[in-house]
Amino acid sequence: MINTNMKTAIIKKTLNEAKKKTFLDSPQWEEIVQNVKGIYLSDGLMSVLLDFERVLSEADIYAFKNWELGELVDGPIIRRYEVICTFLWPSGIMPDPRGAKRLLPLGCTVKFKKTTIKVPVQIKDPGDFKSGTHYPKLVDRKVWLVNIIMPKSLMNDIREGSIDLAGQTIDLDDLDSAYEKDYDVASFKESDEQVDDSSGLDNGDLNDLSGL
């Protein structure tokens, strides 16, 4: 006979794990520090991160404004079929969403979120320390977080110079040409001004670029 109390406990544990907050839900500076340390201490994570970055480079997202200024703050989180990384930018230099859209046909999921995070102040005098400690005070900073979920198969295929999309092998040069034609007819406004919230990304909300 099944122990109903044990069954109930298992169900509650599963629900709690499903509700567990991610870095996007509640970004913490301490988690960023630990994440960076973990990468440097693991050759495996470093290798995965290099493969992840290789895909971003081959997709030419760094040709779009501010993408090269992003900092890794969470990940790589390795799952069975995908790898997840989250990057951070100051609120005033949001990465151009058009760069992220280059990843969508490759099977990636990209989400933007504008939020705040507490960061340590630069120590200039004793007043910058928390009272009675040697730890710096924390202040709120507005930032952009960009979460990228990338298929492992894409990371493997990109090494060969081609990708498999919807059962069809596509050369990366052909993909670039297709994007160039698309941009020629698109009604994007070219400007040195920063991209604001009119791009369809709401402050404080998590937005899936696949809906753009």
N, C-alpha and C. Protein backbone atom coordinates (compact mmCIF):
# COMPACT_ATOMS: atom_id res chain seq x y z
N MET A 1 0.85 -1.21 0.00
CA MET A 1 0.00 0.00 0.00
C MET A 1 0.88 1.24 0.00
N ILE A 2 0.53 2.24 -0.85
CA ILE A 2 1.34 3.45 -0.98
C ILE A 2 1.17 4.33 0.24
N ASN A 3 2.26 4.79 0.78
CA ASN A 3 2.24 5.72 1.90
C ASN A 3 1.81 7.09 1.39
N THR A 4 0.58 7.52 1.73
CA THR A 4 0.05 8.78 1.20
C THR A 4 0.83 9.99 1.69
N ASN A 5 1.34 9.91 2.92
CA ASN A 5 2.13 11.04 3.44
C ASN A 5 3.41 11.23 2.64
N MET A 6 4.06 10.11 2.30
CA MET A 6 5.28 10.18 1.51
C MET A 6 4.98 10.71 0.11
N LYS A 7 3.86 10.26 -0.48
CA LYS A 7 3.48 10.71 -1.81
C LYS A 7 3.22 12.21 -1.82
N THR A 8 2.54 12.70 -0.77
CA THR A 8 2.26 14.14 -0.66
C THR A 8 3.55 14.94 -0.53
N ALA A 9 4.50 14.42 0.24
CA ALA A 9 5.78 15.10 0.44
C ALA A 9 6.55 15.20 -0.87
N ILE A 10 6.50 14.13 -1.67
CA ILE A 10 7.20 14.14 -2.96
C ILE A 10 6.59 15.18 -3.89
N ILE A 11 5.25 15.24 -3.90
CA ILE A 11 4.56 16.21 -4.76
C ILE A 11 4.92 17.64 -4.34
N LYS A 12 4.93 17.90 -3.03
CA LYS A 12 5.27 19.25 -2.55
C LYS A 12 6.69 19.61 -2.91
N LYS A 13 7.61 18.65 -2.79
CA LYS A 13 9.01 18.90 -3.13
C LYS A 13 9.15 19.24 -4.61
N THR A 14 8.42 18.51 -5.46
CA THR A 14 8.47 18.76 -6.90
C THR A 14 7.94 20.15 -7.23
N LEU A 15 6.84 20.55 -6.58
CA LEU A 15 6.26 21.87 -6.81
C LEU A 15 7.20 22.98 -6.34
N ASN A 16 7.85 22.76 -5.20
CA ASN A 16 8.79 23.76 -4.68
C ASN A 16 9.98 23.93 -5.61
N GLU A 17 10.47 22.81 -6.17
CA GLU A 17 11.59 22.90 -7.09
C GLU A 17 11.19 23.64 -8.36
N ALA A 18 9.95 23.43 -8.81
CA ALA A 18 9.47 24.11 -10.00
C ALA A 18 9.36 25.61 -9.78
N LYS A 19 9.07 26.00 -8.52
CA LYS A 19 8.91 27.41 -8.20
C LYS A 19 10.23 28.08 -7.81
N LYS A 20 11.29 27.31 -7.74
CA LYS A 20 12.59 27.83 -7.33
C LYS A 20 13.02 28.98 -8.23
N LYS A 21 13.43 30.06 -7.61
CA LYS A 21 13.80 31.25 -8.36
C LYS A 21 15.12 31.04 -9.11
N THR A 22 15.17 31.56 -10.30
CA THR A 22 16.39 31.52 -11.09
C THR A 22 17.13 32.84 -10.92
N PHE A 23 18.32 32.94 -11.54
CA PHE A 23 19.08 34.18 -11.46
C PHE A 23 18.29 35.34 -12.06
N LEU A 24 17.53 35.07 -13.13
CA LEU A 24 16.72 36.12 -13.76
C LEU A 24 15.66 36.65 -12.81
N ASP A 25 15.11 35.78 -11.97
CA ASP A 25 14.07 36.20 -11.05
C ASP A 25 14.62 37.08 -9.94
N SER A 26 15.81 36.74 -9.45
CA SER A 26 16.38 37.47 -8.33
C SER A 26 17.90 37.49 -8.43
N PRO A 27 18.45 38.37 -9.27
CA PRO A 27 19.91 38.41 -9.44
C PRO A 27 20.63 38.89 -8.18
N GLN A 28 21.68 38.18 -7.80
CA GLN A 28 22.46 38.52 -6.62
C GLN A 28 23.93 38.63 -6.99
N TRP A 29 24.59 39.68 -6.47
CA TRP A 29 26.00 39.89 -6.77
C TRP A 29 26.86 38.72 -6.29
N GLU A 30 26.53 38.18 -5.13
CA GLU A 30 27.32 37.07 -4.59
C GLU A 30 27.28 35.87 -5.53
N GLU A 31 26.14 35.64 -6.17
CA GLU A 31 26.02 34.53 -7.10
C GLU A 31 26.90 34.74 -8.33
N ILE A 32 27.03 35.98 -8.76
CA ILE A 32 27.90 36.28 -9.90
C ILE A 32 29.35 35.94 -9.57
N VAL A 33 29.79 36.35 -8.38
CA VAL A 33 31.17 36.08 -7.94
C VAL A 33 31.43 34.58 -7.89
N GLN A 34 30.51 33.83 -7.29
CA GLN A 34 30.67 32.38 -7.18
C GLN A 34 30.65 31.72 -8.56
N ASN A 35 29.83 32.24 -9.46
CA ASN A 35 29.75 31.68 -10.81
C ASN A 35 31.08 31.83 -11.55
N VAL A 36 31.68 33.01 -11.45
CA VAL A 36 32.96 33.27 -12.11
C VAL A 36 34.05 32.37 -11.53
N LYS A 37 34.07 32.23 -10.21
CA LYS A 37 35.06 31.36 -9.57
C LYS A 37 34.91 29.92 -10.05
N GLY A 38 33.65 29.47 -10.15
CA GLY A 38 33.40 28.11 -10.58
C GLY A 38 33.90 27.83 -11.99
N ILE A 39 33.77 28.80 -12.86
CA ILE A 39 34.23 28.63 -14.24
C ILE A 39 35.75 28.49 -14.29
N TYR A 40 36.46 29.34 -13.54
CA TYR A 40 37.92 29.28 -13.55
C TYR A 40 38.46 28.00 -12.92
N LEU A 41 37.67 27.39 -12.05
CA LEU A 41 38.12 26.17 -11.38
C LEU A 41 37.73 24.90 -12.14
N SER A 42 37.00 25.06 -13.25
CA SER A 42 36.53 23.89 -14.00
C SER A 42 36.92 24.00 -15.47
N ASP A 43 37.79 23.11 -15.90
CA ASP A 43 38.18 23.09 -17.32
C ASP A 43 36.98 22.73 -18.19
N GLY A 44 36.09 21.88 -17.67
CA GLY A 44 34.92 21.48 -18.44
C GLY A 44 33.99 22.64 -18.72
N LEU A 45 33.71 23.46 -17.68
CA LEU A 45 32.83 24.62 -17.86
C LEU A 45 33.46 25.64 -18.81
N MET A 46 34.77 25.82 -18.69
CA MET A 46 35.45 26.76 -19.57
C MET A 46 35.35 26.31 -21.02
N SER A 47 35.48 25.01 -21.27
CA SER A 47 35.38 24.48 -22.62
C SER A 47 33.98 24.69 -23.19
N VAL A 48 32.95 24.43 -22.35
CA VAL A 48 31.57 24.64 -22.79
C VAL A 48 31.32 26.11 -23.11
N LEU A 49 31.85 26.99 -22.27
CA LEU A 49 31.67 28.42 -22.47
C LEU A 49 32.32 28.90 -23.76
N LEU A 50 33.48 28.33 -24.09
CA LEU A 50 34.16 28.69 -25.34
C LEU A 50 33.34 28.24 -26.56
N ASP A 51 32.72 27.05 -26.46
CA ASP A 51 31.85 26.58 -27.54
C ASP A 51 30.62 27.48 -27.67
N PHE A 52 30.09 27.91 -26.54
CA PHE A 52 28.92 28.80 -26.53
C PHE A 52 29.26 30.12 -27.21
N GLU A 53 30.41 30.68 -26.84
CA GLU A 53 30.83 31.96 -27.40
C GLU A 53 31.13 31.84 -28.88
N ARG A 54 31.62 30.68 -29.31
CA ARG A 54 31.93 30.46 -30.72
C ARG A 54 30.66 30.59 -31.57
N VAL A 55 29.55 30.09 -31.05
CA VAL A 55 28.29 30.21 -31.78
C VAL A 55 27.88 31.67 -31.90
N LEU A 56 28.00 32.42 -30.80
CA LEU A 56 27.65 33.84 -30.83
C LEU A 56 28.51 34.59 -31.85
N SER A 57 29.78 34.25 -31.89
CA SER A 57 30.70 34.89 -32.82
C SER A 57 30.35 34.55 -34.27
N GLU A 58 30.08 33.27 -34.53
CA GLU A 58 29.76 32.84 -35.89
C GLU A 58 28.44 33.43 -36.37
N ALA A 59 27.53 33.71 -35.43
CA ALA A 59 26.25 34.33 -35.78
C ALA A 59 26.39 35.84 -35.97
N ASP A 60 27.60 36.37 -35.72
CA ASP A 60 27.90 37.79 -35.95
C ASP A 60 27.06 38.73 -35.09
N ILE A 61 26.68 38.30 -33.89
CA ILE A 61 25.90 39.22 -33.06
C ILE A 61 26.76 40.36 -32.52
N TYR A 62 28.10 40.15 -32.51
CA TYR A 62 28.97 41.21 -32.01
C TYR A 62 29.08 42.38 -32.99
N ALA A 63 28.52 42.20 -34.18
CA ALA A 63 28.48 43.31 -35.13
C ALA A 63 27.40 44.31 -34.75
N PHE A 64 26.52 43.93 -33.83
CA PHE A 64 25.43 44.80 -33.42
C PHE A 64 25.82 45.54 -32.14
N LYS A 65 25.25 46.71 -32.00
CA LYS A 65 25.66 47.65 -30.96
C LYS A 65 25.58 47.07 -29.55
N ASN A 66 26.68 47.23 -28.83
CA ASN A 66 26.81 46.94 -27.39
C ASN A 66 26.93 45.46 -27.02
N TRP A 67 26.79 44.54 -27.98
CA TRP A 67 26.86 43.13 -27.61
C TRP A 67 28.23 42.76 -27.05
N GLU A 68 29.29 43.39 -27.56
CA GLU A 68 30.63 43.03 -27.09
C GLU A 68 30.89 43.50 -25.66
N LEU A 69 29.98 44.30 -25.10
CA LEU A 69 30.17 44.84 -23.76
C LEU A 69 29.51 43.99 -22.67
N GLY A 70 28.83 42.92 -23.07
CA GLY A 70 28.13 42.08 -22.10
C GLY A 70 29.08 41.30 -21.20
N GLU A 71 28.65 41.06 -19.96
CA GLU A 71 29.43 40.28 -18.99
C GLU A 71 28.64 39.04 -18.58
N LEU A 72 29.29 37.90 -18.58
CA LEU A 72 28.64 36.67 -18.14
C LEU A 72 28.40 36.74 -16.63
N VAL A 73 27.15 36.51 -16.21
CA VAL A 73 26.83 36.57 -14.78
C VAL A 73 26.23 35.27 -14.26
N ASP A 74 25.75 34.40 -15.16
CA ASP A 74 25.17 33.14 -14.73
C ASP A 74 25.35 32.10 -15.84
N GLY A 75 25.82 30.91 -15.44
CA GLY A 75 26.06 29.86 -16.43
C GLY A 75 27.55 29.72 -16.75
N PRO A 76 27.87 28.79 -17.63
CA PRO A 76 26.93 27.96 -18.39
C PRO A 76 26.25 26.89 -17.53
N ILE A 77 24.92 26.86 -17.63
CA ILE A 77 24.13 25.81 -16.99
C ILE A 77 23.92 24.72 -18.04
N ILE A 78 24.43 23.54 -17.76
CA ILE A 78 24.42 22.46 -18.76
C ILE A 78 23.26 21.51 -18.48
N ARG A 79 22.35 21.41 -19.42
CA ARG A 79 21.25 20.47 -19.35
C ARG A 79 21.45 19.38 -20.39
N ARG A 80 20.51 18.48 -20.47
CA ARG A 80 20.70 17.33 -21.34
C ARG A 80 20.82 17.74 -22.81
N TYR A 81 19.98 18.68 -23.24
CA TYR A 81 19.96 19.04 -24.66
C TYR A 81 20.30 20.51 -24.91
N GLU A 82 20.60 21.26 -23.86
CA GLU A 82 20.82 22.69 -24.05
C GLU A 82 21.78 23.25 -23.01
N VAL A 83 22.30 24.42 -23.32
CA VAL A 83 23.18 25.15 -22.41
C VAL A 83 22.62 26.55 -22.24
N ILE A 84 22.62 27.05 -21.01
CA ILE A 84 22.00 28.33 -20.70
C ILE A 84 23.05 29.28 -20.12
N CYS A 85 23.09 30.50 -20.64
CA CYS A 85 23.97 31.54 -20.12
C CYS A 85 23.18 32.84 -19.99
N THR A 86 23.52 33.63 -18.99
CA THR A 86 22.90 34.94 -18.80
C THR A 86 23.99 36.00 -18.75
N PHE A 87 23.77 37.09 -19.50
CA PHE A 87 24.75 38.17 -19.60
C PHE A 87 24.14 39.47 -19.08
N LEU A 88 25.01 40.38 -18.67
CA LEU A 88 24.57 41.64 -18.04
C LEU A 88 25.16 42.84 -18.75
N TRP A 89 24.34 43.90 -18.86
CA TRP A 89 24.76 45.20 -19.38
C TRP A 89 24.21 46.30 -18.46
N PRO A 90 24.93 47.41 -18.28
CA PRO A 90 24.33 48.57 -17.60
C PRO A 90 23.08 49.02 -18.36
N SER A 91 22.12 49.61 -17.65
CA SER A 91 20.83 49.93 -18.27
C SER A 91 20.97 50.91 -19.43
N GLY A 92 22.03 51.73 -19.41
CA GLY A 92 22.18 52.74 -20.45
C GLY A 92 22.74 52.22 -21.76
N ILE A 93 23.21 50.96 -21.78
CA ILE A 93 23.79 50.43 -23.02
C ILE A 93 23.17 49.07 -23.34
N MET A 94 21.87 49.09 -23.52
CA MET A 94 21.16 47.86 -23.88
C MET A 94 21.69 47.30 -25.19
N PRO A 95 21.92 45.98 -25.28
CA PRO A 95 22.37 45.38 -26.53
C PRO A 95 21.26 45.43 -27.58
N ASP A 96 21.65 45.67 -28.82
CA ASP A 96 20.69 45.79 -29.92
C ASP A 96 19.92 44.47 -30.08
N PRO A 97 18.59 44.48 -29.94
CA PRO A 97 17.80 43.24 -30.06
C PRO A 97 17.95 42.55 -31.41
N ARG A 98 18.35 43.29 -32.45
CA ARG A 98 18.52 42.67 -33.76
C ARG A 98 19.63 41.62 -33.74
N GLY A 99 20.63 41.82 -32.86
CA GLY A 99 21.68 40.83 -32.73
C GLY A 99 21.13 39.52 -32.18
N ALA A 100 20.24 39.63 -31.19
CA ALA A 100 19.64 38.43 -30.61
C ALA A 100 18.76 37.70 -31.61
N LYS A 101 18.11 38.44 -32.50
CA LYS A 101 17.22 37.82 -33.48
C LYS A 101 17.97 36.93 -34.46
N ARG A 102 19.27 37.13 -34.59
CA ARG A 102 20.06 36.25 -35.46
C ARG A 102 20.16 34.83 -34.89
N LEU A 103 19.96 34.70 -33.60
CA LEU A 103 20.06 33.38 -32.97
C LEU A 103 18.77 32.57 -33.07
N LEU A 104 17.66 33.24 -33.30
CA LEU A 104 16.37 32.56 -33.29
C LEU A 104 16.24 31.47 -34.36
N PRO A 105 16.65 31.72 -35.62
CA PRO A 105 16.55 30.66 -36.63
C PRO A 105 17.46 29.46 -36.35
N LEU A 106 18.41 29.64 -35.45
CA LEU A 106 19.34 28.57 -35.12
C LEU A 106 18.82 27.68 -33.99
N GLY A 107 17.60 27.97 -33.50
CA GLY A 107 17.00 27.15 -32.46
C GLY A 107 17.22 27.67 -31.05
N CYS A 108 17.80 28.87 -30.92
CA CYS A 108 18.04 29.44 -29.59
C CYS A 108 16.79 30.18 -29.09
N THR A 109 16.71 30.32 -27.79
CA THR A 109 15.69 31.15 -27.15
C THR A 109 16.41 32.30 -26.45
N VAL A 110 15.96 33.53 -26.68
CA VAL A 110 16.61 34.70 -26.10
C VAL A 110 15.57 35.52 -25.34
N LYS A 111 15.90 35.87 -24.10
CA LYS A 111 14.99 36.66 -23.27
C LYS A 111 15.72 37.88 -22.70
N PHE A 112 15.04 39.02 -22.71
CA PHE A 112 15.58 40.25 -22.15
C PHE A 112 14.83 40.59 -20.86
N LYS A 113 15.54 41.15 -19.91
CA LYS A 113 14.89 41.64 -18.69
C LYS A 113 15.63 42.86 -18.17
N LYS A 114 14.90 43.94 -17.90
CA LYS A 114 15.47 45.12 -17.27
C LYS A 114 15.14 45.06 -15.79
N THR A 115 16.17 45.13 -14.95
CA THR A 115 15.96 44.95 -13.52
C THR A 115 17.00 45.74 -12.74
N THR A 116 17.05 45.53 -11.44
CA THR A 116 18.07 46.17 -10.60
C THR A 116 18.83 45.08 -9.85
N ILE A 117 20.07 45.39 -9.54
CA ILE A 117 20.91 44.46 -8.79
C ILE A 117 21.78 45.27 -7.83
N LYS A 118 21.98 44.74 -6.64
CA LYS A 118 22.83 45.41 -5.67
C LYS A 118 24.29 45.05 -5.94
N VAL A 119 25.13 46.08 -6.08
CA VAL A 119 26.55 45.86 -6.35
C VAL A 119 27.38 46.61 -5.32
N PRO A 120 28.58 46.14 -5.02
CA PRO A 120 29.42 46.82 -4.03
C PRO A 120 29.96 48.15 -4.56
N VAL A 121 30.03 49.14 -3.67
CA VAL A 121 30.58 50.44 -4.05
C VAL A 121 32.10 50.35 -4.11
N GLN A 122 32.71 51.27 -4.83
CA GLN A 122 34.17 51.34 -4.86
C GLN A 122 34.67 51.95 -3.56
N ILE A 123 35.61 51.26 -2.93
CA ILE A 123 36.10 51.70 -1.63
C ILE A 123 37.05 52.89 -1.81
N LYS A 124 36.66 54.02 -1.24
CA LYS A 124 37.49 55.22 -1.28
C LYS A 124 37.87 55.72 0.11
N ASP A 125 37.00 55.42 1.10
CA ASP A 125 37.27 55.81 2.48
C ASP A 125 36.54 54.85 3.41
N PRO A 126 36.84 54.87 4.70
CA PRO A 126 36.23 53.92 5.65
C PRO A 126 34.70 53.95 5.64
N GLY A 127 34.11 55.06 5.26
CA GLY A 127 32.66 55.17 5.25
C GLY A 127 32.00 54.31 4.19
N ASP A 128 32.82 53.77 3.27
CA ASP A 128 32.27 52.91 2.21
C ASP A 128 32.09 51.46 2.66
N PHE A 129 32.56 51.14 3.90
CA PHE A 129 32.38 49.79 4.42
C PHE A 129 31.07 49.70 5.21
N LYS A 130 30.48 48.50 5.23
CA LYS A 130 29.33 48.27 6.10
C LYS A 130 29.78 48.42 7.54
N SER A 131 28.93 48.97 8.38
CA SER A 131 29.28 49.23 9.77
C SER A 131 29.74 47.96 10.48
N GLY A 132 30.95 48.04 11.05
CA GLY A 132 31.49 46.92 11.82
C GLY A 132 32.03 45.78 10.99
N THR A 133 32.17 45.99 9.68
CA THR A 133 32.68 44.92 8.81
C THR A 133 33.75 45.47 7.88
N HIS A 134 34.38 44.57 7.13
CA HIS A 134 35.32 44.96 6.10
C HIS A 134 34.72 44.72 4.71
N TYR A 135 33.39 44.65 4.64
CA TYR A 135 32.69 44.45 3.37
C TYR A 135 32.14 45.78 2.87
N PRO A 136 32.25 46.02 1.57
CA PRO A 136 31.74 47.30 1.04
C PRO A 136 30.22 47.36 1.09
N LYS A 137 29.71 48.58 1.14
CA LYS A 137 28.27 48.77 1.08
C LYS A 137 27.75 48.41 -0.31
N LEU A 138 26.48 48.09 -0.38
CA LEU A 138 25.86 47.73 -1.65
C LEU A 138 24.89 48.82 -2.08
N VAL A 139 24.87 49.11 -3.36
CA VAL A 139 23.95 50.09 -3.92
C VAL A 139 23.20 49.47 -5.09
N ASP A 140 22.01 49.97 -5.37
CA ASP A 140 21.21 49.45 -6.48
C ASP A 140 21.70 50.03 -7.80
N ARG A 141 21.81 49.16 -8.80
CA ARG A 141 22.17 49.56 -10.15
C ARG A 141 21.17 48.95 -11.12
N LYS A 142 20.67 49.77 -12.04
CA LYS A 142 19.77 49.26 -13.07
C LYS A 142 20.59 48.59 -14.17
N VAL A 143 20.13 47.42 -14.60
CA VAL A 143 20.87 46.64 -15.59
C VAL A 143 19.91 45.97 -16.56
N TRP A 144 20.48 45.53 -17.69
CA TRP A 144 19.79 44.64 -18.62
C TRP A 144 20.38 43.25 -18.45
N LEU A 145 19.51 42.25 -18.35
CA LEU A 145 19.93 40.86 -18.36
C LEU A 145 19.42 40.21 -19.64
N VAL A 146 20.30 39.45 -20.29
CA VAL A 146 19.91 38.73 -21.50
C VAL A 146 20.22 37.25 -21.27
N ASN A 147 19.17 36.44 -21.32
CA ASN A 147 19.28 35.01 -21.10
C ASN A 147 19.21 34.28 -22.44
N ILE A 148 20.20 33.44 -22.72
CA ILE A 148 20.26 32.71 -23.99
C ILE A 148 20.26 31.22 -23.71
N ILE A 149 19.28 30.52 -24.27
CA ILE A 149 19.21 29.07 -24.19
C ILE A 149 19.62 28.52 -25.55
N MET A 150 20.70 27.76 -25.59
CA MET A 150 21.30 27.31 -26.86
C MET A 150 21.32 25.78 -26.93
N PRO A 151 20.84 25.21 -28.03
CA PRO A 151 20.88 23.75 -28.18
C PRO A 151 22.32 23.22 -28.21
N LYS A 152 22.55 22.11 -27.54
CA LYS A 152 23.88 21.51 -27.58
C LYS A 152 24.26 21.09 -29.00
N SER A 153 23.26 20.63 -29.75
CA SER A 153 23.52 20.18 -31.12
C SER A 153 24.07 21.32 -31.97
N LEU A 154 23.60 22.54 -31.72
CA LEU A 154 24.09 23.70 -32.46
C LEU A 154 25.56 23.96 -32.12
N MET A 155 25.89 23.84 -30.85
CA MET A 155 27.27 24.07 -30.42
C MET A 155 28.21 23.06 -31.05
N ASN A 156 27.73 21.83 -31.22
CA ASN A 156 28.56 20.80 -31.85
C ASN A 156 28.67 21.03 -33.36
N ASP A 157 27.54 21.36 -34.00
CA ASP A 157 27.53 21.52 -35.45
C ASP A 157 28.32 22.74 -35.92
N ILE A 158 28.37 23.78 -35.08
CA ILE A 158 29.02 25.02 -35.50
C ILE A 158 30.51 24.81 -35.72
N ARG A 159 31.07 23.78 -35.08
CA ARG A 159 32.49 23.49 -35.26
C ARG A 159 32.79 23.04 -36.69
N GLU A 160 31.78 22.46 -37.34
CA GLU A 160 31.96 21.95 -38.70
C GLU A 160 31.74 23.02 -39.76
N GLY A 161 31.31 24.20 -39.35
CA GLY A 161 31.09 25.29 -40.32
C GLY A 161 29.72 25.28 -40.95
N SER A 162 28.83 24.44 -40.43
CA SER A 162 27.47 24.41 -40.95
C SER A 162 26.53 24.03 -39.82
N ILE A 163 25.23 24.26 -40.02
CA ILE A 163 24.24 23.90 -39.03
C ILE A 163 23.12 23.12 -39.71
N ASP A 164 22.40 22.36 -38.90
CA ASP A 164 21.25 21.63 -39.43
C ASP A 164 20.00 22.29 -38.91
N LEU A 165 19.22 22.89 -39.80
CA LEU A 165 18.04 23.65 -39.42
C LEU A 165 16.83 23.05 -40.10
N ALA A 166 15.89 22.53 -39.28
CA ALA A 166 14.66 21.93 -39.80
C ALA A 166 14.97 20.83 -40.80
N GLY A 167 16.02 20.02 -40.50
CA GLY A 167 16.33 18.89 -41.36
C GLY A 167 17.09 19.25 -42.60
N GLN A 168 17.49 20.51 -42.75
CA GLN A 168 18.21 20.95 -43.94
C GLN A 168 19.55 21.53 -43.54
N THR A 169 20.61 21.08 -44.18
CA THR A 169 21.93 21.62 -43.88
C THR A 169 22.10 22.97 -44.54
N ILE A 170 22.47 23.95 -43.73
CA ILE A 170 22.60 25.32 -44.23
C ILE A 170 24.01 25.82 -43.94
N ASP A 171 24.68 26.30 -44.97
CA ASP A 171 26.00 26.88 -44.79
C ASP A 171 25.86 28.24 -44.11
N LEU A 172 26.77 28.55 -43.19
CA LEU A 172 26.66 29.79 -42.44
C LEU A 172 26.78 31.02 -43.34
N ASP A 173 27.56 30.92 -44.42
CA ASP A 173 27.66 32.05 -45.36
C ASP A 173 26.33 32.31 -46.03
N ASP A 174 25.59 31.23 -46.37
CA ASP A 174 24.27 31.40 -46.96
C ASP A 174 23.32 32.08 -45.99
N LEU A 175 23.45 31.72 -44.71
CA LEU A 175 22.59 32.32 -43.70
C LEU A 175 22.87 33.81 -43.58
N ASP A 176 24.14 34.19 -43.62
CA ASP A 176 24.51 35.61 -43.57
C ASP A 176 23.89 36.37 -44.74
N SER A 177 23.95 35.78 -45.93
CA SER A 177 23.40 36.43 -47.11
C SER A 177 21.89 36.64 -46.96
N ALA A 178 21.23 35.64 -46.39
CA ALA A 178 19.78 35.74 -46.20
C ALA A 178 19.44 36.87 -45.23
N TYR A 179 20.24 37.01 -44.17
CA TYR A 179 20.00 38.09 -43.21
C TYR A 179 20.22 39.45 -43.86
N GLU A 180 21.26 39.57 -44.70
CA GLU A 180 21.55 40.84 -45.35
C GLU A 180 20.38 41.27 -46.23
N LYS A 181 19.78 40.34 -46.94
CA LYS A 181 18.63 40.66 -47.78
C LYS A 181 17.45 41.07 -46.92
N ASP A 182 17.29 40.40 -45.77
CA ASP A 182 16.19 40.72 -44.88
C ASP A 182 16.32 42.12 -44.32
N TYR A 183 17.56 42.50 -43.97
CA TYR A 183 17.78 43.82 -43.40
C TYR A 183 17.59 44.92 -44.44
N ASP A 184 17.82 44.58 -45.72
CA ASP A 184 17.66 45.59 -46.78
C ASP A 184 16.22 46.06 -46.88
N VAL A 185 15.27 45.19 -46.58
CA VAL A 185 13.87 45.55 -46.72
C VAL A 185 13.22 45.85 -45.37
N ALA A 186 13.97 45.65 -44.30
CA ALA A 186 13.40 45.90 -42.97
C ALA A 186 13.33 47.38 -42.69
N SER A 187 12.42 47.76 -41.81
CA SER A 187 12.23 49.18 -41.51
C SER A 187 12.91 49.55 -40.21
N PHE A 188 14.16 49.04 -40.02
CA PHE A 188 14.89 49.38 -38.82
C PHE A 188 15.44 50.80 -38.93
N LYS A 189 15.39 51.55 -37.85
CA LYS A 189 15.92 52.90 -37.82
C LYS A 189 17.37 52.86 -37.36
N GLU A 190 18.29 53.32 -38.22
CA GLU A 190 19.70 53.35 -37.87
C GLU A 190 19.99 54.65 -37.14
N SER A 191 20.52 54.54 -35.94
CA SER A 191 20.80 55.72 -35.14
C SER A 191 21.83 55.38 -34.09
N ASP A 192 22.56 56.40 -33.63
CA ASP A 192 23.51 56.20 -32.54
C ASP A 192 22.82 56.30 -31.19
N GLU A 193 21.52 56.65 -31.19
CA GLU A 193 20.79 56.75 -29.94
C GLU A 193 20.58 55.37 -29.35
N GLN A 194 20.46 55.30 -28.05
CA GLN A 194 20.27 54.02 -27.39
C GLN A 194 18.88 53.50 -27.70
N VAL A 195 18.75 52.17 -27.79
CA VAL A 195 17.46 51.54 -28.00
C VAL A 195 16.70 51.61 -26.68
N ASP A 196 15.46 52.17 -26.71
CA ASP A 196 14.70 52.29 -25.48
C ASP A 196 13.63 51.23 -25.40
N ASP A 197 12.70 51.41 -24.45
CA ASP A 197 11.69 50.39 -24.21
C ASP A 197 10.67 50.28 -25.33
N SER A 198 10.69 51.19 -26.32
CA SER A 198 9.75 51.10 -27.43
C SER A 198 10.06 49.94 -28.35
N SER A 199 11.19 49.24 -28.08
CA SER A 199 11.56 48.08 -28.89
C SER A 199 10.65 46.89 -28.62
N GLY A 200 9.72 47.07 -27.68
CA GLY A 200 8.81 45.97 -27.37
C GLY A 200 9.19 45.21 -26.12
N LEU A 201 10.18 45.72 -25.38
CA LEU A 201 10.62 45.07 -24.15
C LEU A 201 10.15 45.90 -22.98
N ASP A 202 9.28 45.36 -22.14
CA ASP A 202 8.71 46.10 -21.04
C ASP A 202 9.62 46.05 -19.83
N ASN A 203 9.73 47.19 -19.12
CA ASN A 203 10.57 47.25 -17.92
C ASN A 203 10.11 46.24 -16.90
N GLY A 204 11.07 45.49 -16.34
CA GLY A 204 10.78 44.56 -15.29
C GLY A 204 10.13 43.26 -15.73
N ASP A 205 9.83 43.13 -17.01
CA ASP A 205 9.19 41.92 -17.51
C ASP A 205 10.18 41.09 -18.28
N LEU A 206 9.95 39.78 -18.29
CA LEU A 206 10.77 38.87 -19.07
C LEU A 206 10.14 38.71 -20.42
N ASN A 207 10.91 38.97 -21.49
CA ASN A 207 10.34 38.98 -22.82
C ASN A 207 11.08 38.00 -23.73
N ASP A 208 10.32 37.18 -24.40
CA ASP A 208 10.87 36.20 -25.33
C ASP A 208 10.95 36.83 -26.70
N LEU A 209 12.16 36.93 -27.23
CA LEU A 209 12.35 37.60 -28.51
C LEU A 209 11.68 36.87 -29.66
N SER A 210 11.32 35.62 -29.47
CA SER A 210 10.68 34.89 -30.55
C SER A 210 9.33 35.49 -30.90
N GLY A 211 8.83 36.34 -29.99
CA GLY A 211 7.55 36.98 -30.28
C GLY A 211 7.70 38.28 -31.02
N LEU A 212 8.94 38.73 -31.26
CA LEU A 212 9.14 40.00 -31.98
C LEU A 212 8.89 39.82 -33.46
